[in-house]
Amino acid sequence: MLLVSAVGLLWKSNQSLRLENARMASNVQTISASLEYVKTQNGKLAAQTDVLLLRTSELKGLFPSQAKAINELGVKMSRATQLSTTVIETQKNIITQLKDSIIHDTIHVKVFEYTDKWYKIKGVSQGDSQQLQIHSTDTLTQVVYKGERVKPWLWIFSPRKLQQRVSVSNPNATIKYSQFIQIIKP
């Protein structure tokens, strides 16, 4: 009886170590992978990454700046369940007309204004200085879903990986970095 219990305990321990090893291997592969771009149904580009599965202690060790950001938001690390970080870069060249104007009844300046769906820019040029007022609007859409199979050759017997897909509405914006971390409890 004691031997059967010992074998059962070793079997259970081996299974948990095997699952932990698979999780760590998946995390290493996800961290080393580059951002993948996919075309959505409406023709826009979206960035896609796999989801990292980390424990709180691993998050603190591997990504201390994100752990600090959680604390700065007033959330206890033990209560956090997910963390998403996305870096977006926007670049647009704008050409607009300068118009002569007078401010304060005597100061001669040139003004300009540009507006489209994503930007509203106003400016005043006086002598050798310029004053700009820029307002930009964008929408970030993120979805986390069960994506590709871990081992596709095993067909329905292989579990699906959690993946993240992110897109922005502004055509001048590019997603440079995206990471989604699922925090698992020990």
N, C-alpha and C. Protein backbone atom coordinates (compact mmCIF):
# COMPACT_ATOMS: atom_id res chain seq x y z
N MET A 1 0.82 -1.19 0.00
CA MET A 1 0.00 0.00 0.00
C MET A 1 0.87 1.26 0.00
N LEU A 2 1.91 1.23 0.81
CA LEU A 2 2.82 2.35 0.90
C LEU A 2 3.54 2.56 -0.44
N LEU A 3 3.91 1.48 -1.09
CA LEU A 3 4.58 1.55 -2.38
C LEU A 3 3.65 2.17 -3.44
N VAL A 4 2.40 1.80 -3.44
CA VAL A 4 1.42 2.35 -4.40
C VAL A 4 1.25 3.84 -4.16
N SER A 5 1.18 4.26 -2.90
CA SER A 5 1.06 5.69 -2.56
C SER A 5 2.30 6.46 -3.02
N ALA A 6 3.47 5.88 -2.82
CA ALA A 6 4.72 6.53 -3.22
C ALA A 6 4.77 6.68 -4.75
N VAL A 7 4.39 5.63 -5.47
CA VAL A 7 4.38 5.68 -6.93
C VAL A 7 3.37 6.73 -7.41
N GLY A 8 2.21 6.78 -6.78
CA GLY A 8 1.19 7.77 -7.14
C GLY A 8 1.69 9.19 -6.90
N LEU A 9 2.35 9.40 -5.78
CA LEU A 9 2.91 10.71 -5.45
C LEU A 9 4.00 11.12 -6.44
N LEU A 10 4.87 10.17 -6.80
CA LEU A 10 5.91 10.45 -7.79
C LEU A 10 5.30 10.76 -9.16
N TRP A 11 4.26 10.03 -9.53
CA TRP A 11 3.58 10.25 -10.81
C TRP A 11 3.00 11.66 -10.86
N LYS A 12 2.31 12.06 -9.79
CA LYS A 12 1.70 13.38 -9.72
C LYS A 12 2.78 14.47 -9.77
N SER A 13 3.87 14.27 -9.06
CA SER A 13 4.97 15.22 -9.05
C SER A 13 5.59 15.34 -10.44
N ASN A 14 5.75 14.23 -11.12
CA ASN A 14 6.31 14.20 -12.47
C ASN A 14 5.40 14.95 -13.44
N GLN A 15 4.10 14.76 -13.32
CA GLN A 15 3.15 15.45 -14.20
C GLN A 15 3.21 16.96 -13.99
N SER A 16 3.26 17.41 -12.73
CA SER A 16 3.31 18.85 -12.47
C SER A 16 4.63 19.45 -12.97
N LEU A 17 5.73 18.71 -12.84
CA LEU A 17 7.01 19.19 -13.37
C LEU A 17 6.99 19.25 -14.89
N ARG A 18 6.33 18.29 -15.52
CA ARG A 18 6.23 18.28 -16.97
C ARG A 18 5.42 19.48 -17.47
N LEU A 19 4.31 19.78 -16.78
CA LEU A 19 3.50 20.95 -17.14
C LEU A 19 4.27 22.25 -16.93
N GLU A 20 5.01 22.33 -15.84
CA GLU A 20 5.81 23.51 -15.53
C GLU A 20 6.89 23.70 -16.59
N ASN A 21 7.52 22.61 -17.01
CA ASN A 21 8.55 22.66 -18.05
C ASN A 21 7.95 23.14 -19.37
N ALA A 22 6.77 22.65 -19.72
CA ALA A 22 6.11 23.07 -20.96
C ALA A 22 5.76 24.57 -20.90
N ARG A 23 5.31 25.05 -19.74
CA ARG A 23 4.98 26.46 -19.57
C ARG A 23 6.22 27.33 -19.75
N MET A 24 7.32 26.91 -19.12
CA MET A 24 8.58 27.67 -19.23
C MET A 24 9.11 27.67 -20.67
N ALA A 25 9.03 26.53 -21.35
CA ALA A 25 9.49 26.46 -22.74
C ALA A 25 8.65 27.38 -23.63
N SER A 26 7.35 27.40 -23.40
CA SER A 26 6.46 28.27 -24.16
C SER A 26 6.79 29.74 -23.90
N ASN A 27 7.08 30.10 -22.64
CA ASN A 27 7.44 31.48 -22.30
C ASN A 27 8.74 31.90 -22.98
N VAL A 28 9.73 31.02 -22.99
CA VAL A 28 11.01 31.33 -23.64
C VAL A 28 10.80 31.56 -25.14
N GLN A 29 9.98 30.72 -25.75
CA GLN A 29 9.69 30.87 -27.17
C GLN A 29 8.94 32.17 -27.43
N THR A 30 8.01 32.52 -26.57
CA THR A 30 7.23 33.75 -26.73
C THR A 30 8.10 34.99 -26.57
N ILE A 31 8.98 34.99 -25.58
CA ILE A 31 9.85 36.15 -25.36
C ILE A 31 10.81 36.35 -26.52
N SER A 32 11.31 35.26 -27.09
CA SER A 32 12.29 35.38 -28.17
C SER A 32 11.64 35.62 -29.53
N ALA A 33 10.33 35.43 -29.65
CA ALA A 33 9.65 35.62 -30.93
C ALA A 33 9.46 37.10 -31.22
N SER A 34 9.46 37.44 -32.50
CA SER A 34 9.22 38.84 -32.87
C SER A 34 7.73 39.07 -33.10
N LEU A 35 7.35 40.32 -33.15
CA LEU A 35 5.97 40.70 -33.37
C LEU A 35 5.55 40.27 -34.77
N GLU A 36 4.40 39.64 -34.89
CA GLU A 36 3.91 39.15 -36.17
C GLU A 36 2.73 40.03 -36.60
N TYR A 37 2.71 40.43 -37.88
CA TYR A 37 1.61 41.24 -38.39
C TYR A 37 0.70 40.38 -39.24
N VAL A 38 -0.61 40.51 -39.01
CA VAL A 38 -1.61 39.77 -39.77
C VAL A 38 -2.61 40.76 -40.35
N LYS A 39 -3.19 40.41 -41.47
CA LYS A 39 -4.19 41.28 -42.11
C LYS A 39 -5.57 40.87 -41.61
N THR A 40 -6.34 41.85 -41.14
CA THR A 40 -7.68 41.57 -40.63
C THR A 40 -8.68 41.51 -41.78
N GLN A 41 -9.91 41.18 -41.47
CA GLN A 41 -10.94 41.05 -42.51
C GLN A 41 -11.22 42.37 -43.23
N ASN A 42 -11.04 43.50 -42.54
CA ASN A 42 -11.29 44.78 -43.19
C ASN A 42 -10.05 45.34 -43.89
N GLY A 43 -8.98 44.56 -43.96
CA GLY A 43 -7.77 44.94 -44.69
C GLY A 43 -6.73 45.66 -43.87
N LYS A 44 -7.00 45.97 -42.61
CA LYS A 44 -6.01 46.64 -41.76
C LYS A 44 -5.00 45.64 -41.23
N LEU A 45 -3.84 46.15 -40.83
CA LEU A 45 -2.83 45.29 -40.22
C LEU A 45 -3.03 45.27 -38.71
N ALA A 46 -2.84 44.10 -38.13
CA ALA A 46 -2.91 43.95 -36.67
C ALA A 46 -1.66 43.21 -36.24
N ALA A 47 -1.16 43.55 -35.05
CA ALA A 47 0.02 42.88 -34.50
C ALA A 47 -0.45 41.70 -33.65
N GLN A 48 0.29 40.59 -33.69
CA GLN A 48 -0.10 39.39 -32.97
C GLN A 48 1.09 38.83 -32.21
N THR A 49 0.85 38.45 -30.95
CA THR A 49 1.87 37.82 -30.13
C THR A 49 1.22 36.72 -29.30
N ASP A 50 2.04 35.80 -28.81
CA ASP A 50 1.56 34.80 -27.87
C ASP A 50 1.52 35.41 -26.47
N VAL A 51 0.73 34.82 -25.60
CA VAL A 51 0.58 35.33 -24.24
C VAL A 51 1.60 34.64 -23.33
N LEU A 52 2.26 35.43 -22.48
CA LEU A 52 3.19 34.89 -21.49
C LEU A 52 2.40 34.44 -20.26
N LEU A 53 2.75 33.30 -19.71
CA LEU A 53 2.15 32.81 -18.47
C LEU A 53 3.21 32.88 -17.38
N LEU A 54 3.11 33.86 -16.50
CA LEU A 54 4.13 34.09 -15.47
C LEU A 54 3.51 34.10 -14.08
N ARG A 55 4.29 33.66 -13.12
CA ARG A 55 3.92 33.80 -11.72
C ARG A 55 4.33 35.21 -11.27
N THR A 56 3.78 35.65 -10.17
CA THR A 56 4.08 37.00 -9.66
C THR A 56 5.57 37.19 -9.45
N SER A 57 6.23 36.20 -8.86
CA SER A 57 7.67 36.32 -8.60
C SER A 57 8.46 36.39 -9.91
N GLU A 58 8.03 35.65 -10.93
CA GLU A 58 8.70 35.69 -12.24
C GLU A 58 8.49 37.05 -12.90
N LEU A 59 7.30 37.61 -12.76
CA LEU A 59 7.02 38.92 -13.32
C LEU A 59 7.92 39.97 -12.68
N LYS A 60 8.06 39.91 -11.36
CA LYS A 60 8.92 40.88 -10.65
C LYS A 60 10.37 40.75 -11.10
N GLY A 61 10.84 39.52 -11.33
CA GLY A 61 12.23 39.29 -11.72
C GLY A 61 12.51 39.61 -13.17
N LEU A 62 11.61 39.23 -14.08
CA LEU A 62 11.84 39.41 -15.51
C LEU A 62 11.45 40.80 -16.02
N PHE A 63 10.40 41.36 -15.46
CA PHE A 63 9.89 42.65 -15.92
C PHE A 63 9.64 43.58 -14.74
N PRO A 64 10.72 44.05 -14.09
CA PRO A 64 10.55 44.89 -12.90
C PRO A 64 9.83 46.22 -13.18
N SER A 65 10.00 46.77 -14.38
CA SER A 65 9.33 48.05 -14.68
C SER A 65 7.82 47.86 -14.77
N GLN A 66 7.35 46.72 -15.32
CA GLN A 66 5.92 46.46 -15.37
C GLN A 66 5.37 46.19 -13.97
N ALA A 67 6.14 45.49 -13.14
CA ALA A 67 5.71 45.24 -11.76
C ALA A 67 5.60 46.56 -11.01
N LYS A 68 6.55 47.46 -11.25
CA LYS A 68 6.50 48.77 -10.61
C LYS A 68 5.28 49.55 -11.10
N ALA A 69 4.96 49.44 -12.37
CA ALA A 69 3.80 50.14 -12.93
C ALA A 69 2.50 49.66 -12.29
N ILE A 70 2.40 48.37 -12.00
CA ILE A 70 1.22 47.83 -11.33
C ILE A 70 1.07 48.48 -9.96
N ASN A 71 2.17 48.53 -9.21
CA ASN A 71 2.15 49.14 -7.88
C ASN A 71 1.82 50.63 -7.96
N GLU A 72 2.35 51.33 -8.96
CA GLU A 72 2.09 52.76 -9.11
C GLU A 72 0.63 53.04 -9.45
N LEU A 73 -0.05 52.06 -10.04
CA LEU A 73 -1.47 52.21 -10.33
C LEU A 73 -2.34 51.95 -9.11
N GLY A 74 -1.70 51.58 -7.99
CA GLY A 74 -2.44 51.33 -6.76
C GLY A 74 -3.04 49.94 -6.66
N VAL A 75 -2.50 49.00 -7.42
CA VAL A 75 -3.00 47.62 -7.41
C VAL A 75 -1.95 46.73 -6.75
N LYS A 76 -2.39 45.89 -5.83
CA LYS A 76 -1.46 44.95 -5.20
C LYS A 76 -1.09 43.87 -6.20
N MET A 77 0.19 43.50 -6.20
CA MET A 77 0.66 42.46 -7.13
C MET A 77 -0.11 41.16 -6.96
N SER A 78 -0.48 40.83 -5.75
CA SER A 78 -1.18 39.57 -5.51
C SER A 78 -2.59 39.55 -6.10
N ARG A 79 -3.14 40.73 -6.41
CA ARG A 79 -4.49 40.81 -6.97
C ARG A 79 -4.49 40.97 -8.49
N ALA A 80 -3.34 41.25 -9.07
CA ALA A 80 -3.26 41.43 -10.53
C ALA A 80 -3.43 40.09 -11.23
N THR A 81 -4.18 40.08 -12.33
CA THR A 81 -4.39 38.84 -13.09
C THR A 81 -3.83 38.92 -14.50
N GLN A 82 -3.79 40.12 -15.08
CA GLN A 82 -3.28 40.29 -16.43
C GLN A 82 -2.59 41.64 -16.55
N LEU A 83 -1.65 41.71 -17.47
CA LEU A 83 -0.92 42.95 -17.72
C LEU A 83 -0.64 43.05 -19.21
N SER A 84 -0.98 44.17 -19.79
CA SER A 84 -0.76 44.36 -21.22
C SER A 84 0.06 45.62 -21.44
N THR A 85 1.07 45.54 -22.31
CA THR A 85 1.90 46.68 -22.66
C THR A 85 1.97 46.74 -24.18
N THR A 86 1.65 47.90 -24.74
CA THR A 86 1.71 48.09 -26.18
C THR A 86 2.36 49.44 -26.47
N VAL A 87 3.33 49.45 -27.37
CA VAL A 87 3.99 50.68 -27.78
C VAL A 87 3.55 50.99 -29.21
N ILE A 88 3.06 52.21 -29.39
CA ILE A 88 2.57 52.63 -30.70
C ILE A 88 3.36 53.85 -31.13
N GLU A 89 3.78 53.85 -32.37
CA GLU A 89 4.51 54.99 -32.93
C GLU A 89 3.67 55.58 -34.06
N THR A 90 3.49 56.91 -34.02
CA THR A 90 2.71 57.60 -35.04
C THR A 90 3.61 58.58 -35.76
N GLN A 91 3.52 58.56 -37.09
CA GLN A 91 4.33 59.47 -37.90
C GLN A 91 3.48 59.92 -39.08
N LYS A 92 3.45 61.24 -39.30
CA LYS A 92 2.71 61.79 -40.43
C LYS A 92 3.35 63.10 -40.84
N ASN A 93 3.56 63.29 -42.11
CA ASN A 93 4.06 64.55 -42.65
C ASN A 93 2.85 65.40 -43.03
N ILE A 94 2.84 66.65 -42.56
CA ILE A 94 1.70 67.54 -42.80
C ILE A 94 2.21 68.78 -43.51
N ILE A 95 1.53 69.14 -44.59
CA ILE A 95 1.83 70.37 -45.31
C ILE A 95 0.55 71.20 -45.29
N THR A 96 0.68 72.45 -44.85
CA THR A 96 -0.48 73.33 -44.78
C THR A 96 -0.06 74.76 -45.11
N GLN A 97 -1.02 75.60 -45.40
CA GLN A 97 -0.77 76.98 -45.81
C GLN A 97 -0.64 77.90 -44.60
N LEU A 98 0.31 78.83 -44.65
CA LEU A 98 0.45 79.87 -43.63
C LEU A 98 -0.39 81.06 -44.06
N LYS A 99 -1.14 81.65 -43.13
CA LYS A 99 -1.99 82.81 -43.42
C LYS A 99 -1.52 83.98 -42.56
N ASP A 100 -1.50 85.16 -43.15
CA ASP A 100 -1.15 86.37 -42.39
C ASP A 100 -2.29 86.71 -41.45
N SER A 101 -1.91 87.15 -40.23
CA SER A 101 -2.90 87.52 -39.24
C SER A 101 -2.30 88.56 -38.31
N ILE A 102 -3.14 89.21 -37.55
CA ILE A 102 -2.68 90.21 -36.58
C ILE A 102 -3.29 89.85 -35.23
N ILE A 103 -2.42 89.79 -34.19
CA ILE A 103 -2.91 89.55 -32.83
C ILE A 103 -2.54 90.74 -31.96
N HIS A 104 -3.27 90.95 -30.91
CA HIS A 104 -3.06 92.07 -30.00
C HIS A 104 -3.01 93.40 -30.74
N ASP A 105 -3.76 93.51 -31.82
CA ASP A 105 -3.93 94.73 -32.62
C ASP A 105 -2.69 95.22 -33.37
N THR A 106 -1.48 94.73 -33.04
CA THR A 106 -0.29 95.26 -33.71
C THR A 106 0.73 94.20 -34.10
N ILE A 107 0.66 93.01 -33.54
CA ILE A 107 1.70 92.01 -33.79
C ILE A 107 1.31 91.20 -35.03
N HIS A 108 2.20 91.23 -36.02
CA HIS A 108 1.97 90.53 -37.28
C HIS A 108 2.46 89.08 -37.15
N VAL A 109 1.62 88.09 -37.38
CA VAL A 109 1.97 86.67 -37.26
C VAL A 109 1.42 85.91 -38.45
N LYS A 110 1.87 84.69 -38.59
CA LYS A 110 1.31 83.76 -39.58
C LYS A 110 0.70 82.61 -38.80
N VAL A 111 -0.49 82.20 -39.18
CA VAL A 111 -1.19 81.11 -38.48
C VAL A 111 -1.48 79.99 -39.46
N PHE A 112 -1.63 78.80 -38.93
CA PHE A 112 -2.03 77.67 -39.75
C PHE A 112 -2.88 76.70 -38.93
N GLU A 113 -3.66 75.91 -39.65
CA GLU A 113 -4.54 74.94 -39.00
C GLU A 113 -4.67 73.73 -39.92
N TYR A 114 -4.62 72.55 -39.32
CA TYR A 114 -4.77 71.31 -40.06
C TYR A 114 -5.69 70.39 -39.26
N THR A 115 -6.66 69.77 -39.92
CA THR A 115 -7.58 68.86 -39.25
C THR A 115 -7.89 67.69 -40.17
N ASP A 116 -7.82 66.48 -39.63
CA ASP A 116 -8.35 65.30 -40.31
C ASP A 116 -8.96 64.40 -39.25
N LYS A 117 -9.25 63.17 -39.59
CA LYS A 117 -9.96 62.26 -38.67
C LYS A 117 -9.17 61.98 -37.39
N TRP A 118 -7.83 62.02 -37.45
CA TRP A 118 -7.00 61.65 -36.31
C TRP A 118 -6.22 62.81 -35.69
N TYR A 119 -6.04 63.91 -36.41
CA TYR A 119 -5.21 65.01 -35.92
C TYR A 119 -5.94 66.34 -36.01
N LYS A 120 -5.64 67.19 -35.05
CA LYS A 120 -6.07 68.58 -35.10
C LYS A 120 -4.86 69.40 -34.65
N ILE A 121 -4.31 70.18 -35.58
CA ILE A 121 -3.09 70.94 -35.30
C ILE A 121 -3.35 72.41 -35.62
N LYS A 122 -3.01 73.27 -34.66
CA LYS A 122 -3.09 74.71 -34.84
C LYS A 122 -1.72 75.28 -34.52
N GLY A 123 -1.33 76.31 -35.23
CA GLY A 123 -0.03 76.90 -34.97
C GLY A 123 0.03 78.37 -35.28
N VAL A 124 0.96 79.04 -34.62
CA VAL A 124 1.22 80.45 -34.83
C VAL A 124 2.72 80.61 -35.04
N SER A 125 3.10 81.31 -36.11
CA SER A 125 4.50 81.57 -36.40
C SER A 125 4.73 83.08 -36.25
N GLN A 126 5.61 83.41 -35.32
CA GLN A 126 5.90 84.82 -35.05
C GLN A 126 7.41 85.00 -35.06
N GLY A 127 7.91 85.70 -36.04
CA GLY A 127 9.35 85.91 -36.16
C GLY A 127 10.06 84.58 -36.38
N ASP A 128 10.99 84.26 -35.48
CA ASP A 128 11.73 83.00 -35.61
C ASP A 128 11.21 81.92 -34.65
N SER A 129 10.04 82.11 -34.06
CA SER A 129 9.49 81.09 -33.16
C SER A 129 8.12 80.62 -33.65
N GLN A 130 7.79 79.41 -33.28
CA GLN A 130 6.50 78.83 -33.64
C GLN A 130 5.87 78.21 -32.41
N GLN A 131 4.56 78.33 -32.34
CA GLN A 131 3.80 77.74 -31.24
C GLN A 131 2.81 76.77 -31.85
N LEU A 132 2.86 75.51 -31.39
CA LEU A 132 1.98 74.46 -31.93
C LEU A 132 1.05 73.94 -30.86
N GLN A 133 -0.15 73.59 -31.28
CA GLN A 133 -1.10 72.90 -30.41
C GLN A 133 -1.55 71.67 -31.18
N ILE A 134 -1.18 70.47 -30.67
CA ILE A 134 -1.46 69.22 -31.37
C ILE A 134 -2.40 68.37 -30.55
N HIS A 135 -3.43 67.88 -31.19
CA HIS A 135 -4.37 66.96 -30.55
C HIS A 135 -4.50 65.75 -31.47
N SER A 136 -4.27 64.57 -30.92
CA SER A 136 -4.33 63.34 -31.70
C SER A 136 -5.28 62.35 -31.03
N THR A 137 -6.08 61.66 -31.84
CA THR A 137 -7.03 60.68 -31.34
C THR A 137 -6.78 59.35 -32.06
N ASP A 138 -6.80 58.27 -31.29
CA ASP A 138 -6.61 56.94 -31.87
C ASP A 138 -7.38 55.93 -31.03
N THR A 139 -7.70 54.81 -31.61
CA THR A 139 -8.38 53.75 -30.89
C THR A 139 -7.54 52.49 -30.97
N LEU A 140 -7.24 51.92 -29.81
CA LEU A 140 -6.49 50.67 -29.71
C LEU A 140 -7.49 49.56 -29.42
N THR A 141 -7.50 48.53 -30.24
CA THR A 141 -8.39 47.39 -30.03
C THR A 141 -7.52 46.17 -29.76
N GLN A 142 -7.83 45.48 -28.68
CA GLN A 142 -7.04 44.32 -28.26
C GLN A 142 -7.99 43.15 -27.99
N VAL A 143 -7.59 41.99 -28.46
CA VAL A 143 -8.35 40.78 -28.16
C VAL A 143 -7.37 39.68 -27.78
N VAL A 144 -7.71 38.95 -26.72
CA VAL A 144 -6.93 37.78 -26.30
C VAL A 144 -7.82 36.57 -26.59
N TYR A 145 -7.27 35.59 -27.28
CA TYR A 145 -8.10 34.48 -27.72
C TYR A 145 -7.29 33.18 -27.73
N LYS A 146 -7.99 32.07 -27.83
CA LYS A 146 -7.34 30.77 -27.98
C LYS A 146 -7.03 30.62 -29.46
N GLY A 147 -5.74 30.63 -29.79
CA GLY A 147 -5.30 30.65 -31.18
C GLY A 147 -4.82 29.30 -31.68
N GLU A 148 -3.59 29.30 -32.21
CA GLU A 148 -3.01 28.10 -32.82
C GLU A 148 -2.84 26.99 -31.78
N ARG A 149 -2.80 25.77 -32.27
CA ARG A 149 -2.57 24.63 -31.38
C ARG A 149 -1.08 24.54 -31.05
N VAL A 150 -0.77 24.09 -29.83
CA VAL A 150 0.61 23.95 -29.40
C VAL A 150 1.33 22.95 -30.29
N LYS A 151 0.70 21.82 -30.53
CA LYS A 151 1.25 20.78 -31.42
C LYS A 151 0.19 20.48 -32.48
N PRO A 152 0.20 21.19 -33.61
CA PRO A 152 -0.86 21.03 -34.60
C PRO A 152 -1.01 19.61 -35.14
N TRP A 153 0.06 18.86 -35.15
CA TRP A 153 0.00 17.50 -35.68
C TRP A 153 -0.82 16.59 -34.78
N LEU A 154 -1.09 16.98 -33.53
CA LEU A 154 -1.93 16.17 -32.64
C LEU A 154 -3.41 16.48 -32.80
N TRP A 155 -3.74 17.41 -33.70
CA TRP A 155 -5.08 17.79 -34.07
C TRP A 155 -5.87 18.24 -32.85
N ILE A 156 -7.00 17.63 -32.53
CA ILE A 156 -7.87 18.11 -31.45
C ILE A 156 -7.34 17.74 -30.06
N PHE A 157 -6.32 16.92 -29.99
CA PHE A 157 -5.78 16.50 -28.69
C PHE A 157 -4.74 17.48 -28.15
N SER A 158 -4.39 18.48 -28.93
CA SER A 158 -3.43 19.48 -28.51
C SER A 158 -4.16 20.73 -28.05
N PRO A 159 -3.81 21.26 -26.89
CA PRO A 159 -4.48 22.49 -26.42
C PRO A 159 -4.08 23.69 -27.28
N ARG A 160 -4.90 24.71 -27.24
CA ARG A 160 -4.61 25.93 -28.00
C ARG A 160 -3.84 26.93 -27.13
N LYS A 161 -2.93 27.71 -27.78
CA LYS A 161 -2.17 28.75 -27.08
C LYS A 161 -3.04 29.98 -26.94
N LEU A 162 -2.83 30.71 -25.84
CA LEU A 162 -3.45 32.03 -25.72
C LEU A 162 -2.63 32.99 -26.57
N GLN A 163 -3.31 33.77 -27.41
CA GLN A 163 -2.64 34.74 -28.25
C GLN A 163 -3.34 36.09 -28.13
N GLN A 164 -2.60 37.14 -28.42
CA GLN A 164 -3.11 38.49 -28.35
C GLN A 164 -3.02 39.11 -29.73
N ARG A 165 -4.07 39.84 -30.12
CA ARG A 165 -4.04 40.56 -31.38
C ARG A 165 -4.44 42.01 -31.09
N VAL A 166 -3.63 42.95 -31.58
CA VAL A 166 -3.84 44.37 -31.31
C VAL A 166 -3.85 45.13 -32.62
N SER A 167 -4.79 46.09 -32.75
CA SER A 167 -4.79 46.95 -33.93
C SER A 167 -5.13 48.38 -33.50
N VAL A 168 -4.70 49.33 -34.31
CA VAL A 168 -4.99 50.74 -34.08
C VAL A 168 -5.78 51.27 -35.27
N SER A 169 -6.62 52.27 -35.02
CA SER A 169 -7.47 52.79 -36.09
C SER A 169 -6.73 53.79 -36.99
N ASN A 170 -5.72 54.48 -36.46
CA ASN A 170 -4.99 55.49 -37.21
C ASN A 170 -4.05 54.81 -38.22
N PRO A 171 -4.22 55.07 -39.51
CA PRO A 171 -3.35 54.43 -40.51
C PRO A 171 -1.91 54.92 -40.45
N ASN A 172 -1.65 56.03 -39.76
CA ASN A 172 -0.30 56.56 -39.63
C ASN A 172 0.43 55.96 -38.43
N ALA A 173 -0.26 55.16 -37.63
CA ALA A 173 0.33 54.57 -36.42
C ALA A 173 0.81 53.16 -36.72
N THR A 174 1.91 52.79 -36.08
CA THR A 174 2.48 51.46 -36.21
C THR A 174 2.70 50.89 -34.81
N ILE A 175 2.32 49.65 -34.61
CA ILE A 175 2.55 48.99 -33.33
C ILE A 175 3.98 48.46 -33.35
N LYS A 176 4.82 48.97 -32.44
CA LYS A 176 6.22 48.59 -32.39
C LYS A 176 6.47 47.45 -31.42
N TYR A 177 5.66 47.35 -30.38
CA TYR A 177 5.90 46.35 -29.35
C TYR A 177 4.57 46.04 -28.67
N SER A 178 4.31 44.78 -28.44
CA SER A 178 3.10 44.40 -27.73
C SER A 178 3.39 43.16 -26.90
N GLN A 179 2.92 43.19 -25.67
CA GLN A 179 3.15 42.05 -24.78
C GLN A 179 1.94 41.91 -23.86
N PHE A 180 1.48 40.70 -23.69
CA PHE A 180 0.36 40.41 -22.79
C PHE A 180 0.84 39.32 -21.82
N ILE A 181 0.70 39.61 -20.53
CA ILE A 181 1.15 38.66 -19.51
C ILE A 181 -0.05 38.20 -18.70
N GLN A 182 -0.29 36.92 -18.68
CA GLN A 182 -1.30 36.30 -17.82
C GLN A 182 -0.59 35.90 -16.54
N ILE A 183 -1.01 36.46 -15.41
CA ILE A 183 -0.36 36.16 -14.13
C ILE A 183 -1.08 34.96 -13.51
N ILE A 184 -0.32 33.90 -13.28
CA ILE A 184 -0.92 32.69 -12.72
C ILE A 184 -0.56 32.59 -11.24
N LYS A 185 -1.46 32.05 -10.50
CA LYS A 185 -1.25 31.88 -9.06
C LYS A 185 -0.64 30.52 -8.81
N PRO A 186 0.35 30.46 -7.85
CA PRO A 186 1.03 29.19 -7.58
C PRO A 186 0.11 28.15 -6.94
